PDB file of all heavy atoms in Angstrom:
ATOM      1  N   TRP A   1      20.021   5.203   7.605  1.00  0.00           N
ATOM      2  CA  TRP A   1      18.856   5.165   6.710  1.00  0.00           C
ATOM      3  C   TRP A   1      18.799   3.760   6.072  1.00  0.00           C
ATOM      4  O   TRP A   1      19.874   3.171   5.726  1.00  0.00           O
ATOM      5  CB  TRP A   1      19.034   6.159   5.605  1.00  0.00           C
ATOM      6  CG  TRP A   1      18.849   7.583   6.042  1.00  0.00           C
ATOM      7  CD1 TRP A   1      19.745   8.440   6.661  1.00  0.00           C
ATOM      8  CD2 TRP A   1      17.652   8.327   5.781  1.00  0.00           C
ATOM      9  NE1 TRP A   1      19.151   9.609   6.843  1.00  0.00           N
ATOM     10  CE2 TRP A   1      17.932   9.652   6.421  1.00  0.00           C
ATOM     11  CE3 TRP A   1      16.468   8.121   5.273  1.00  0.00           C
ATOM     12  CZ2 TRP A   1      17.030  10.661   6.388  1.00  0.00           C
ATOM     13  CZ3 TRP A   1      15.485   9.189   5.205  1.00  0.00           C
ATOM     14  CH2 TRP A   1      15.823  10.436   5.778  1.00  0.00           C
ATOM     15  N   MET A   2      17.609   3.246   5.809  1.00  0.00           N
ATOM     16  CA  MET A   2      17.370   2.127   5.002  1.00  0.00           C
ATOM     17  C   MET A   2      17.975   2.288   3.553  1.00  0.00           C
ATOM     18  O   MET A   2      17.873   3.426   3.074  1.00  0.00           O
ATOM     19  CB  MET A   2      16.000   1.679   4.831  1.00  0.00           C
ATOM     20  CG  MET A   2      15.413   0.919   6.113  1.00  0.00           C
ATOM     21  SD  MET A   2      13.664   0.455   5.754  1.00  0.00           S
ATOM     22  CE  MET A   2      13.392  -0.456   7.281  1.00  0.00           C
ATOM     23  N   THR A   3      18.525   1.193   2.984  1.00  0.00           N
ATOM     24  CA  THR A   3      19.136   1.394   1.661  1.00  0.00           C
ATOM     25  C   THR A   3      18.210   0.888   0.452  1.00  0.00           C
ATOM     26  O   THR A   3      18.640   0.809  -0.643  1.00  0.00           O
ATOM     27  CB  THR A   3      20.441   0.639   1.543  1.00  0.00           C
ATOM     28  OG1 THR A   3      20.206  -0.727   1.860  1.00  0.00           O
ATOM     29  CG2 THR A   3      21.483   1.163   2.585  1.00  0.00           C
ATOM     30  N   LYS A   4      16.998   0.533   0.896  1.00  0.00           N
ATOM     31  CA  LYS A   4      15.980   0.264  -0.279  1.00  0.00           C
ATOM     32  C   LYS A   4      14.606   0.712   0.253  1.00  0.00           C
ATOM     33  O   LYS A   4      14.389   0.856   1.505  1.00  0.00           O
ATOM     34  CB  LYS A   4      15.982  -1.223  -0.555  1.00  0.00           C
ATOM     35  CG  LYS A   4      15.583  -2.158   0.347  1.00  0.00           C
ATOM     36  CD  LYS A   4      15.640  -3.704  -0.258  1.00  0.00           C
ATOM     37  CE  LYS A   4      15.114  -4.735   0.745  1.00  0.00           C
ATOM     38  NZ  LYS A   4      15.060  -5.950   0.148  1.00  0.00           N
ATOM     39  N   ASN A   5      13.680   0.756  -0.592  1.00  0.00           N
ATOM     40  CA  ASN A   5      12.430   1.184  -0.380  1.00  0.00           C
ATOM     41  C   ASN A   5      11.617   0.172   0.419  1.00  0.00           C
ATOM     42  O   ASN A   5      11.768  -1.065   0.143  1.00  0.00           O
ATOM     43  CB  ASN A   5      11.618   1.530  -1.570  1.00  0.00           C
ATOM     44  CG  ASN A   5      12.291   2.636  -2.383  1.00  0.00           C
ATOM     45  OD1 ASN A   5      13.055   3.415  -1.871  1.00  0.00           O
ATOM     46  ND2 ASN A   5      11.797   2.819  -3.627  1.00  0.00           N
ATOM     47  N   LEU A   6      10.749   0.580   1.357  1.00  0.00           N
ATOM     48  CA  LEU A   6       9.963  -0.430   2.180  1.00  0.00           C
ATOM     49  C   LEU A   6       8.950  -1.116   1.209  1.00  0.00           C
ATOM     50  O   LEU A   6       8.426  -0.575   0.347  1.00  0.00           O
ATOM     51  CB  LEU A   6       9.247   0.464   3.205  1.00  0.00           C
ATOM     52  CG  LEU A   6       8.621  -0.343   4.393  1.00  0.00           C
ATOM     53  CD1 LEU A   6       9.822  -0.785   5.255  1.00  0.00           C
ATOM     54  CD2 LEU A   6       7.696   0.593   5.227  1.00  0.00           C
ATOM     55  N   ALA A   7       8.841  -2.406   1.598  1.00  0.00           N
ATOM     56  CA  ALA A   7       7.896  -3.237   0.848  1.00  0.00           C
ATOM     57  C   ALA A   7       6.895  -4.052   1.761  1.00  0.00           C
ATOM     58  O   ALA A   7       6.460  -5.069   1.385  1.00  0.00           O
ATOM     59  CB  ALA A   7       8.720  -4.310  -0.017  1.00  0.00           C
ATOM     60  N   ALA A   8       6.623  -3.439   2.882  1.00  0.00           N
ATOM     61  CA  ALA A   8       5.795  -4.118   3.967  1.00  0.00           C
ATOM     62  C   ALA A   8       4.331  -4.016   3.555  1.00  0.00           C
ATOM     63  O   ALA A   8       3.842  -2.958   3.275  1.00  0.00           O
ATOM     64  CB  ALA A   8       5.971  -3.463   5.318  1.00  0.00           C
ATOM     65  N   GLY A   9       3.639  -5.197   3.685  1.00  0.00           N
ATOM     66  CA  GLY A   9       2.204  -5.126   3.581  1.00  0.00           C
ATOM     67  C   GLY A   9       1.524  -5.253   4.903  1.00  0.00           C
ATOM     68  O   GLY A   9       0.223  -5.348   4.993  1.00  0.00           O
ATOM     69  N   HIS A  10       2.358  -5.163   6.007  1.00  0.00           N
ATOM     70  CA  HIS A  10       1.672  -5.159   7.323  1.00  0.00           C
ATOM     71  C   HIS A  10       2.373  -4.187   8.159  1.00  0.00           C
ATOM     72  O   HIS A  10       3.636  -3.740   7.949  1.00  0.00           O
ATOM     73  CB  HIS A  10       1.911  -6.522   8.023  1.00  0.00           C
ATOM     74  CG  HIS A  10       1.208  -7.612   7.359  1.00  0.00           C
ATOM     75  ND1 HIS A  10       1.795  -8.257   6.128  1.00  0.00           N
ATOM     76  CD2 HIS A  10       0.060  -8.288   7.609  1.00  0.00           C
ATOM     77  CE1 HIS A  10       1.035  -9.213   5.829  1.00  0.00           C
ATOM     78  NE2 HIS A  10      -0.050  -9.297   6.540  1.00  0.00           N
ATOM     79  N   TYR A  11       1.735  -3.627   9.268  1.00  0.00           N
ATOM     80  CA  TYR A  11       2.455  -2.894  10.284  1.00  0.00           C
ATOM     81  C   TYR A  11       3.259  -3.730  11.100  1.00  0.00           C
ATOM     82  O   TYR A  11       3.072  -4.990  11.188  1.00  0.00           O
ATOM     83  CB  TYR A  11       1.373  -2.013  11.027  1.00  0.00           C
ATOM     84  CG  TYR A  11       0.759  -0.966  10.097  1.00  0.00           C
ATOM     85  CD1 TYR A  11      -0.589  -1.138   9.719  1.00  0.00           C
ATOM     86  CD2 TYR A  11       1.431   0.036   9.539  1.00  0.00           C
ATOM     87  CE1 TYR A  11      -1.291  -0.181   8.983  1.00  0.00           C
ATOM     88  CE2 TYR A  11       0.860   1.073   8.730  1.00  0.00           C
ATOM     89  CZ  TYR A  11      -0.505   0.885   8.435  1.00  0.00           C
ATOM     90  OH  TYR A  11      -1.199   1.774   7.618  1.00  0.00           O
ATOM     91  N   ALA A  12       4.016  -3.210  11.973  1.00  0.00           N
ATOM     92  CA  ALA A  12       4.926  -3.977  12.903  1.00  0.00           C
ATOM     93  C   ALA A  12       4.049  -4.876  13.889  1.00  0.00           C
ATOM     94  O   ALA A  12       4.552  -5.868  14.279  1.00  0.00           O
ATOM     95  CB  ALA A  12       5.795  -2.981  13.647  1.00  0.00           C
ATOM     96  N   ASN A  13       2.865  -4.561  14.200  1.00  0.00           N
ATOM     97  CA  ASN A  13       2.049  -5.392  15.026  1.00  0.00           C
ATOM     98  C   ASN A  13       1.354  -6.452  14.323  1.00  0.00           C
ATOM     99  O   ASN A  13       0.518  -7.126  14.899  1.00  0.00           O
ATOM    100  CB  ASN A  13       1.099  -4.477  15.865  1.00  0.00           C
ATOM    101  CG  ASN A  13       0.071  -3.766  14.888  1.00  0.00           C
ATOM    102  OD1 ASN A  13       0.088  -3.931  13.666  1.00  0.00           O
ATOM    103  ND2 ASN A  13      -0.860  -2.945  15.501  1.00  0.00           N
ATOM    104  N   GLY A  14       1.459  -6.547  13.001  1.00  0.00           N
ATOM    105  CA  GLY A  14       0.925  -7.594  12.182  1.00  0.00           C
ATOM    106  C   GLY A  14      -0.434  -7.148  11.476  1.00  0.00           C
ATOM    107  O   GLY A  14      -0.991  -7.926  10.696  1.00  0.00           O
ATOM    108  N   GLN A  15      -0.934  -5.954  11.810  1.00  0.00           N
ATOM    109  CA  GLN A  15      -2.115  -5.543  11.072  1.00  0.00           C
ATOM    110  C   GLN A  15      -1.856  -5.260   9.687  1.00  0.00           C
ATOM    111  O   GLN A  15      -0.839  -4.727   9.217  1.00  0.00           O
ATOM    112  CB  GLN A  15      -2.508  -4.170  11.683  1.00  0.00           C
ATOM    113  CG  GLN A  15      -3.677  -3.447  11.133  1.00  0.00           C
ATOM    114  CD  GLN A  15      -4.081  -2.085  11.589  1.00  0.00           C
ATOM    115  OE1 GLN A  15      -3.292  -1.607  12.608  1.00  0.00           O
ATOM    116  NE2 GLN A  15      -4.930  -1.307  11.026  1.00  0.00           N
ATOM    117  N   THR A  16      -2.807  -5.857   8.895  1.00  0.00           N
ATOM    118  CA  THR A  16      -2.686  -5.788   7.444  1.00  0.00           C
ATOM    119  C   THR A  16      -2.954  -4.334   6.888  1.00  0.00           C
ATOM    120  O   THR A  16      -4.004  -3.783   7.304  1.00  0.00           O
ATOM    121  CB  THR A  16      -3.648  -6.746   6.777  1.00  0.00           C
ATOM    122  OG1 THR A  16      -3.322  -8.042   7.201  1.00  0.00           O
ATOM    123  CG2 THR A  16      -3.515  -6.754   5.268  1.00  0.00           C
ATOM    124  N   ILE A  17      -2.191  -3.836   5.989  1.00  0.00           N
ATOM    125  CA  ILE A  17      -2.404  -2.537   5.457  1.00  0.00           C
ATOM    126  C   ILE A  17      -3.458  -2.753   4.232  1.00  0.00           C
ATOM    127  O   ILE A  17      -3.186  -3.712   3.435  1.00  0.00           O
ATOM    128  CB  ILE A  17      -1.157  -1.954   4.901  1.00  0.00           C
ATOM    129  CG1 ILE A  17      -0.119  -1.828   6.087  1.00  0.00           C
ATOM    130  CG2 ILE A  17      -1.358  -0.526   4.305  1.00  0.00           C
ATOM    131  CD1 ILE A  17       1.201  -1.421   5.610  1.00  0.00           C
ATOM    132  N   PRO A  18      -4.516  -2.072   4.100  1.00  0.00           N
ATOM    133  CA  PRO A  18      -5.398  -2.264   3.042  1.00  0.00           C
ATOM    134  C   PRO A  18      -4.660  -2.142   1.583  1.00  0.00           C
ATOM    135  O   PRO A  18      -4.056  -1.027   1.302  1.00  0.00           O
ATOM    136  CB  PRO A  18      -6.427  -1.080   3.160  1.00  0.00           C
ATOM    137  CG  PRO A  18      -6.412  -0.841   4.704  1.00  0.00           C
ATOM    138  CD  PRO A  18      -4.946  -1.011   5.070  1.00  0.00           C
ATOM    139  N   PHE A  19      -4.839  -3.174   0.775  1.00  0.00           N
ATOM    140  CA  PHE A  19      -4.193  -3.145  -0.527  1.00  0.00           C
ATOM    141  C   PHE A  19      -5.258  -2.589  -1.430  1.00  0.00           C
ATOM    142  O   PHE A  19      -6.412  -3.109  -1.576  1.00  0.00           O
ATOM    143  CB  PHE A  19      -3.720  -4.534  -0.974  1.00  0.00           C
ATOM    144  CG  PHE A  19      -3.174  -4.586  -2.314  1.00  0.00           C
ATOM    145  CD1 PHE A  19      -1.868  -4.116  -2.584  1.00  0.00           C
ATOM    146  CD2 PHE A  19      -3.921  -5.191  -3.475  1.00  0.00           C
ATOM    147  CE1 PHE A  19      -1.347  -4.246  -3.858  1.00  0.00           C
ATOM    148  CE2 PHE A  19      -3.337  -5.212  -4.633  1.00  0.00           C
ATOM    149  CZ  PHE A  19      -2.129  -4.684  -4.849  1.00  0.00           C
ATOM    150  N   VAL A  20      -5.058  -1.468  -2.068  1.00  0.00           N
ATOM    151  CA  VAL A  20      -5.943  -0.831  -3.064  1.00  0.00           C
ATOM    152  C   VAL A  20      -5.465  -0.916  -4.408  1.00  0.00           C
ATOM    153  O   VAL A  20      -4.449  -0.330  -4.790  1.00  0.00           O
ATOM    154  CB  VAL A  20      -6.169   0.695  -2.622  1.00  0.00           C
ATOM    155  CG1 VAL A  20      -7.110   1.160  -3.488  1.00  0.00           C
ATOM    156  CG2 VAL A  20      -6.640   0.756  -1.168  1.00  0.00           C
ATOM    157  N   GLU A  21      -6.184  -1.742  -5.312  1.00  0.00           N
ATOM    158  CA  GLU A  21      -5.589  -2.169  -6.528  1.00  0.00           C
ATOM    159  C   GLU A  21      -6.141  -1.202  -7.693  1.00  0.00           C
ATOM    160  O   GLU A  21      -5.348  -0.696  -8.406  1.00  0.00           O
ATOM    161  CB  GLU A  21      -5.952  -3.496  -6.719  1.00  0.00           C
ATOM    162  CG  GLU A  21      -5.406  -4.067  -8.185  1.00  0.00           C
ATOM    163  CD  GLU A  21      -5.503  -5.515  -8.280  1.00  0.00           C
ATOM    164  OE1 GLU A  21      -6.160  -6.243  -7.342  1.00  0.00           O
ATOM    165  OE2 GLU A  21      -5.287  -6.152  -9.447  1.00  0.00           O
ATOM    166  N   THR A  22      -7.403  -1.094  -7.771  1.00  0.00           N
ATOM    167  CA  THR A  22      -8.036  -0.477  -9.005  1.00  0.00           C
ATOM    168  C   THR A  22      -7.799   1.057  -8.839  1.00  0.00           C
ATOM    169  O   THR A  22      -7.703   1.684  -7.865  1.00  0.00           O
ATOM    170  CB  THR A  22      -9.414  -0.745  -9.209  1.00  0.00           C
ATOM    171  OG1 THR A  22     -10.201  -0.183  -8.101  1.00  0.00           O
ATOM    172  CG2 THR A  22      -9.649  -2.296  -9.171  1.00  0.00           C
ATOM    173  N   THR A  23      -7.891   1.788 -10.068  1.00  0.00           N
ATOM    174  CA  THR A  23      -7.813   3.184 -10.188  1.00  0.00           C
ATOM    175  C   THR A  23      -9.007   3.805  -9.390  1.00  0.00           C
ATOM    176  O   THR A  23      -8.786   4.773  -8.661  1.00  0.00           O
ATOM    177  CB  THR A  23      -7.787   3.602 -11.564  1.00  0.00           C
ATOM    178  OG1 THR A  23      -6.550   3.062 -12.232  1.00  0.00           O
ATOM    179  CG2 THR A  23      -7.710   5.117 -11.789  1.00  0.00           C
ATOM    180  N   ALA A  24     -10.161   3.220  -9.665  1.00  0.00           N
ATOM    181  CA  ALA A  24     -11.389   3.818  -9.063  1.00  0.00           C
ATOM    182  C   ALA A  24     -11.280   3.751  -7.511  1.00  0.00           C
ATOM    183  O   ALA A  24     -11.694   4.668  -6.862  1.00  0.00           O
ATOM    184  CB  ALA A  24     -12.597   3.071  -9.586  1.00  0.00           C
ATOM    185  N   ASP A  25     -10.887   2.678  -6.888  1.00  0.00           N
ATOM    186  CA  ASP A  25     -10.749   2.461  -5.615  1.00  0.00           C
ATOM    187  C   ASP A  25      -9.859   3.441  -4.965  1.00  0.00           C
ATOM    188  O   ASP A  25     -10.052   3.989  -3.878  1.00  0.00           O
ATOM    189  CB  ASP A  25     -10.411   1.075  -5.141  1.00  0.00           C
ATOM    190  CG  ASP A  25     -11.642   0.040  -5.372  1.00  0.00           C
ATOM    191  OD1 ASP A  25     -12.837   0.551  -5.540  1.00  0.00           O
ATOM    192  OD2 ASP A  25     -11.413  -1.196  -5.440  1.00  0.00           O
ATOM    193  N   TRP A  26      -8.626   3.497  -5.713  1.00  0.00           N
ATOM    194  CA  TRP A  26      -7.535   4.504  -5.093  1.00  0.00           C
ATOM    195  C   TRP A  26      -8.224   6.006  -5.173  1.00  0.00           C
ATOM    196  O   TRP A  26      -8.010   6.677  -4.226  1.00  0.00           O
ATOM    197  CB  TRP A  26      -6.296   4.447  -5.884  1.00  0.00           C
ATOM    198  CG  TRP A  26      -5.244   5.087  -5.217  1.00  0.00           C
ATOM    199  CD1 TRP A  26      -4.918   6.505  -5.290  1.00  0.00           C
ATOM    200  CD2 TRP A  26      -4.205   4.617  -4.360  1.00  0.00           C
ATOM    201  NE1 TRP A  26      -3.825   6.823  -4.507  1.00  0.00           N
ATOM    202  CE2 TRP A  26      -3.396   5.597  -3.841  1.00  0.00           C
ATOM    203  CE3 TRP A  26      -3.906   3.344  -3.800  1.00  0.00           C
ATOM    204  CZ2 TRP A  26      -2.330   5.477  -2.977  1.00  0.00           C
ATOM    205  CZ3 TRP A  26      -2.879   3.038  -3.051  1.00  0.00           C
ATOM    206  CH2 TRP A  26      -2.096   4.212  -2.481  1.00  0.00           C
ATOM    207  N   ASN A  27      -8.854   6.292  -6.249  1.00  0.00           N
ATOM    208  CA  ASN A  27      -9.438   7.690  -6.356  1.00  0.00           C
ATOM    209  C   ASN A  27     -10.404   7.911  -5.226  1.00  0.00           C
ATOM    210  O   ASN A  27     -10.698   9.068  -4.842  1.00  0.00           O
ATOM    211  CB  ASN A  27     -10.118   7.778  -7.746  1.00  0.00           C
ATOM    212  CG  ASN A  27     -10.600   9.154  -8.014  1.00  0.00           C
ATOM    213  OD1 ASN A  27      -9.917  10.116  -7.756  1.00  0.00           O
ATOM    214  ND2 ASN A  27     -11.894   9.265  -8.410  1.00  0.00           N
ATOM    215  N   ASP A  28     -11.156   6.819  -4.785  1.00  0.00           N
ATOM    216  CA  ASP A  28     -12.087   7.010  -3.643  1.00  0.00           C
ATOM    217  C   ASP A  28     -11.436   7.138  -2.306  1.00  0.00           C
ATOM    218  O   ASP A  28     -12.231   7.245  -1.337  1.00  0.00           O
ATOM    219  CB  ASP A  28     -13.114   5.801  -3.774  1.00  0.00           C
ATOM    220  CG  ASP A  28     -14.019   5.924  -4.930  1.00  0.00           C
ATOM    221  OD1 ASP A  28     -14.170   7.051  -5.524  1.00  0.00           O
ATOM    222  OD2 ASP A  28     -14.573   4.840  -5.308  1.00  0.00           O
ATOM    223  N   ASN A  29     -10.095   6.986  -2.250  1.00  0.00           N
ATOM    224  CA  ASN A  29      -9.497   7.169  -0.857  1.00  0.00           C
ATOM    225  C   ASN A  29      -9.867   8.456  -0.286  1.00  0.00           C
ATOM    226  O   ASN A  29     -10.018   9.456  -0.960  1.00  0.00           O
ATOM    227  CB  ASN A  29      -7.945   6.896  -1.045  1.00  0.00           C
ATOM    228  CG  ASN A  29      -7.591   5.555  -1.173  1.00  0.00           C
ATOM    229  OD1 ASN A  29      -8.329   4.627  -0.932  1.00  0.00           O
ATOM    230  ND2 ASN A  29      -6.316   5.367  -1.637  1.00  0.00           N
ATOM    231  N   THR A  30      -9.869   8.445   1.042  1.00  0.00           N
ATOM    232  CA  THR A  30      -9.990   9.724   1.801  1.00  0.00           C
ATOM    233  C   THR A  30      -8.571  10.018   2.278  1.00  0.00           C
ATOM    234  O   THR A  30      -7.651   9.233   2.300  1.00  0.00           O
ATOM    235  CB  THR A  30     -10.971   9.612   2.949  1.00  0.00           C
ATOM    236  OG1 THR A  30     -10.499   8.577   3.864  1.00  0.00           O
ATOM    237  CG2 THR A  30     -12.319   9.178   2.397  1.00  0.00           C
ATOM    238  N   VAL A  31      -8.487  11.245   2.766  1.00  0.00           N
ATOM    239  CA  VAL A  31      -7.119  11.670   3.352  1.00  0.00           C
ATOM    240  C   VAL A  31      -6.731  10.843   4.452  1.00  0.00           C
ATOM    241  O   VAL A  31      -5.518  10.577   4.646  1.00  0.00           O
ATOM    242  CB  VAL A  31      -7.322  13.139   3.808  1.00  0.00           C
ATOM    243  CG1 VAL A  31      -5.980  13.590   4.537  1.00  0.00           C
ATOM    244  CG2 VAL A  31      -7.484  14.077   2.573  1.00  0.00           C
ATOM    245  N   THR A  32      -7.592  10.224   5.258  1.00  0.00           N
ATOM    246  CA  THR A  32      -7.300   9.430   6.417  1.00  0.00           C
ATOM    247  C   THR A  32      -7.256   7.906   6.118  1.00  0.00           C
ATOM    248  O   THR A  32      -7.033   7.136   7.122  1.00  0.00           O
ATOM    249  CB  THR A  32      -8.258   9.748   7.499  1.00  0.00           C
ATOM    250  OG1 THR A  32      -9.635   9.478   7.168  1.00  0.00           O
ATOM    251  CG2 THR A  32      -8.178  11.241   7.968  1.00  0.00           C
ATOM    252  N   LYS A  33      -7.538   7.531   4.918  1.00  0.00           N
ATOM    253  CA  LYS A  33      -7.542   6.055   4.665  1.00  0.00           C
ATOM    254  C   LYS A  33      -6.193   5.486   4.395  1.00  0.00           C
ATOM    255  O   LYS A  33      -5.457   5.944   3.549  1.00  0.00           O
ATOM    256  CB  LYS A  33      -8.470   5.912   3.450  1.00  0.00           C
ATOM    257  CG  LYS A  33      -8.631   4.437   3.078  1.00  0.00           C
ATOM    258  CD  LYS A  33      -9.551   4.171   2.041  1.00  0.00           C
ATOM    259  CE  LYS A  33      -9.697   2.663   1.609  1.00  0.00           C
ATOM    260  NZ  LYS A  33     -10.639   2.319   0.527  1.00  0.00           N
ATOM    261  N   ARG A  34      -5.905   4.486   5.169  1.00  0.00           N
ATOM    262  CA  ARG A  34      -4.591   3.717   4.977  1.00  0.00           C
ATOM    263  C   ARG A  34      -4.713   2.922   3.737  1.00  0.00           C
ATOM    264  O   ARG A  34      -5.798   2.276   3.491  1.00  0.00           O
ATOM    265  CB  ARG A  34      -4.355   2.833   6.135  1.00  0.00           C
ATOM    266  CG  ARG A  34      -4.237   3.483   7.557  1.00  0.00           C
ATOM    267  CD  ARG A  34      -4.166   2.575   8.691  1.00  0.00           C
ATOM    268  NE  ARG A  34      -3.890   3.227   9.896  1.00  0.00           N
ATOM    269  CZ  ARG A  34      -4.825   3.750  10.638  1.00  0.00           C
ATOM    270  NH1 ARG A  34      -6.106   3.830  10.290  1.00  0.00           N
ATOM    271  NH2 ARG A  34      -4.466   4.246  11.838  1.00  0.00           N
ATOM    272  N   ALA A  35      -3.667   3.015   2.900  1.00  0.00           N
ATOM    273  CA  ALA A  35      -3.689   2.248   1.589  1.00  0.00           C
ATOM    274  C   ALA A  35      -2.266   2.066   1.163  1.00  0.00           C
ATOM    275  O   ALA A  35      -1.406   2.856   1.546  1.00  0.00           O
ATOM    276  CB  ALA A  35      -4.507   2.966   0.586  1.00  0.00           C
ATOM    277  N   TYR A  36      -2.049   0.928   0.371  1.00  0.00           N
ATOM    278  CA  TYR A  36      -0.802   0.761  -0.329  1.00  0.00           C
ATOM    279  C   TYR A  36      -0.982  -0.040  -1.569  1.00  0.00           C
ATOM    280  O   TYR A  36      -2.110  -0.647  -1.816  1.00  0.00           O
ATOM    281  CB  TYR A  36       0.231   0.056   0.627  1.00  0.00           C
ATOM    282  CG  TYR A  36       0.173  -1.454   0.694  1.00  0.00           C
ATOM    283  CD1 TYR A  36       1.252  -2.196   0.011  1.00  0.00           C
ATOM    284  CD2 TYR A  36      -0.823  -2.211   1.195  1.00  0.00           C
ATOM    285  CE1 TYR A  36       1.247  -3.463  -0.037  1.00  0.00           C
ATOM    286  CE2 TYR A  36      -0.819  -3.530   1.183  1.00  0.00           C
ATOM    287  CZ  TYR A  36       0.162  -4.131   0.561  1.00  0.00           C
ATOM    288  OH  TYR A  36       0.283  -5.548   0.506  1.00  0.00           O
ATOM    289  N   CYS A  37      -0.009  -0.047  -2.485  1.00  0.00           N
ATOM    290  CA  CYS A  37      -0.063  -0.850  -3.615  1.00  0.00           C
ATOM    291  C   CYS A  37       1.391  -0.982  -4.137  1.00  0.00           C
ATOM    292  O   CYS A  37       2.292  -0.568  -3.395  1.00  0.00           O
ATOM    293  CB  CYS A  37      -0.878  -0.047  -4.771  1.00  0.00           C
ATOM    294  SG  CYS A  37      -0.224   1.570  -5.090  1.00  0.00           S
ATOM    295  N   TRP A  38       1.466  -1.645  -5.293  1.00  0.00           N
ATOM    296  CA  TRP A  38       2.833  -1.539  -6.004  1.00  0.00           C
ATOM    297  C   TRP A  38       2.589  -1.106  -7.409  1.00  0.00           C
ATOM    298  O   TRP A  38       1.536  -1.282  -7.922  1.00  0.00           O
ATOM    299  CB  TRP A  38       3.738  -2.716  -5.890  1.00  0.00           C
ATOM    300  CG  TRP A  38       2.930  -4.149  -6.071  1.00  0.00           C
ATOM    301  CD1 TRP A  38       2.741  -4.690  -7.299  1.00  0.00           C
ATOM    302  CD2 TRP A  38       2.369  -4.885  -5.120  1.00  0.00           C
ATOM    303  NE1 TRP A  38       2.139  -5.917  -7.115  1.00  0.00           N
ATOM    304  CE2 TRP A  38       1.872  -5.996  -5.746  1.00  0.00           C
ATOM    305  CE3 TRP A  38       2.295  -4.917  -3.713  1.00  0.00           C
ATOM    306  CZ2 TRP A  38       1.282  -7.045  -5.131  1.00  0.00           C
ATOM    307  CZ3 TRP A  38       1.635  -5.860  -3.040  1.00  0.00           C
ATOM    308  CH2 TRP A  38       1.144  -7.013  -3.701  1.00  0.00           C
ATOM    309  N   TYR A  39       3.558  -0.557  -8.066  1.00  0.00           N
ATOM    310  CA  TYR A  39       3.448   0.074  -9.311  1.00  0.00           C
ATOM    311  C   TYR A  39       2.761  -0.882 -10.333  1.00  0.00           C
ATOM    312  O   TYR A  39       3.338  -1.934 -10.812  1.00  0.00           O
ATOM    313  CB  TYR A  39       4.794   0.582  -9.789  1.00  0.00           C
ATOM    314  CG  TYR A  39       4.776   1.602 -10.849  1.00  0.00           C
ATOM    315  CD1 TYR A  39       4.798   3.016 -10.577  1.00  0.00           C
ATOM    316  CD2 TYR A  39       4.619   1.305 -12.222  1.00  0.00           C
ATOM    317  CE1 TYR A  39       4.783   3.922 -11.477  1.00  0.00           C
ATOM    318  CE2 TYR A  39       4.488   2.345 -13.196  1.00  0.00           C
ATOM    319  CZ  TYR A  39       4.646   3.636 -12.840  1.00  0.00           C
ATOM    320  OH  TYR A  39       4.525   4.652 -13.767  1.00  0.00           O
ATOM    321  N   GLU A  40       1.606  -0.367 -10.854  1.00  0.00           N
ATOM    322  CA  GLU A  40       0.871  -1.091 -11.909  1.00  0.00           C
ATOM    323  C   GLU A  40       0.528  -2.501 -11.524  1.00  0.00           C
ATOM    324  O   GLU A  40       0.340  -3.288 -12.399  1.00  0.00           O
ATOM    325  CB  GLU A  40       1.613  -0.963 -13.214  1.00  0.00           C
ATOM    326  CG  GLU A  40       1.533   0.429 -13.673  1.00  0.00           C
ATOM    327  CD  GLU A  40       2.288   0.637 -15.177  1.00  0.00           C
ATOM    328  OE1 GLU A  40       2.958  -0.289 -15.584  1.00  0.00           O
ATOM    329  OE2 GLU A  40       1.933   1.619 -15.807  1.00  0.00           O
ATOM    330  N   ASN A  41       0.488  -2.815 -10.273  1.00  0.00           N
ATOM    331  CA  ASN A  41       0.313  -4.179  -9.809  1.00  0.00           C
ATOM    332  C   ASN A  41       1.147  -5.254 -10.335  1.00  0.00           C
ATOM    333  O   ASN A  41       0.852  -6.435 -10.414  1.00  0.00           O
ATOM    334  CB  ASN A  41      -1.247  -4.517 -10.050  1.00  0.00           C
ATOM    335  CG  ASN A  41      -2.197  -3.493  -9.543  1.00  0.00           C
ATOM    336  OD1 ASN A  41      -2.164  -3.184  -8.339  1.00  0.00           O
ATOM    337  ND2 ASN A  41      -3.138  -3.029 -10.371  1.00  0.00           N
ATOM    338  N   VAL A  42       2.337  -4.892 -10.783  1.00  0.00           N
ATOM    339  CA  VAL A  42       3.365  -5.840 -11.181  1.00  0.00           C
ATOM    340  C   VAL A  42       4.270  -6.228 -10.083  1.00  0.00           C
ATOM    341  O   VAL A  42       5.006  -5.429  -9.523  1.00  0.00           O
ATOM    342  CB  VAL A  42       4.119  -5.204 -12.416  1.00  0.00           C
ATOM    343  CG1 VAL A  42       5.194  -6.173 -12.845  1.00  0.00           C
ATOM    344  CG2 VAL A  42       3.191  -4.829 -13.513  1.00  0.00           C
ATOM    345  N   THR A  43       4.299  -7.576  -9.773  1.00  0.00           N
ATOM    346  CA  THR A  43       5.036  -7.992  -8.587  1.00  0.00           C
ATOM    347  C   THR A  43       6.441  -7.703  -8.700  1.00  0.00           C
ATOM    348  O   THR A  43       7.154  -7.352  -7.739  1.00  0.00           O
ATOM    349  CB  THR A  43       4.842  -9.470  -8.477  1.00  0.00           C
ATOM    350  OG1 THR A  43       3.381  -9.848  -8.244  1.00  0.00           O
ATOM    351  CG2 THR A  43       5.617 -10.011  -7.256  1.00  0.00           C
ATOM    352  N   ALA A  44       7.052  -7.771  -9.989  1.00  0.00           N
ATOM    353  CA  ALA A  44       8.447  -7.478 -10.140  1.00  0.00           C
ATOM    354  C   ALA A  44       8.829  -6.014  -9.678  1.00  0.00           C
ATOM    355  O   ALA A  44       9.912  -5.730  -9.321  1.00  0.00           O
ATOM    356  CB  ALA A  44       8.919  -7.723 -11.584  1.00  0.00           C
TER     357      ALA A  44
END
């Protein structure tokens, strides 16, 4: 097992994962929509 949480913003083939920042945009996600973020948009 990996010993830390994944932090990838791309899939292995280089495809960018959609970064969804705002609350409204995340709420608008569909079940099939690829999305990622980090907690409260704080880089740390």
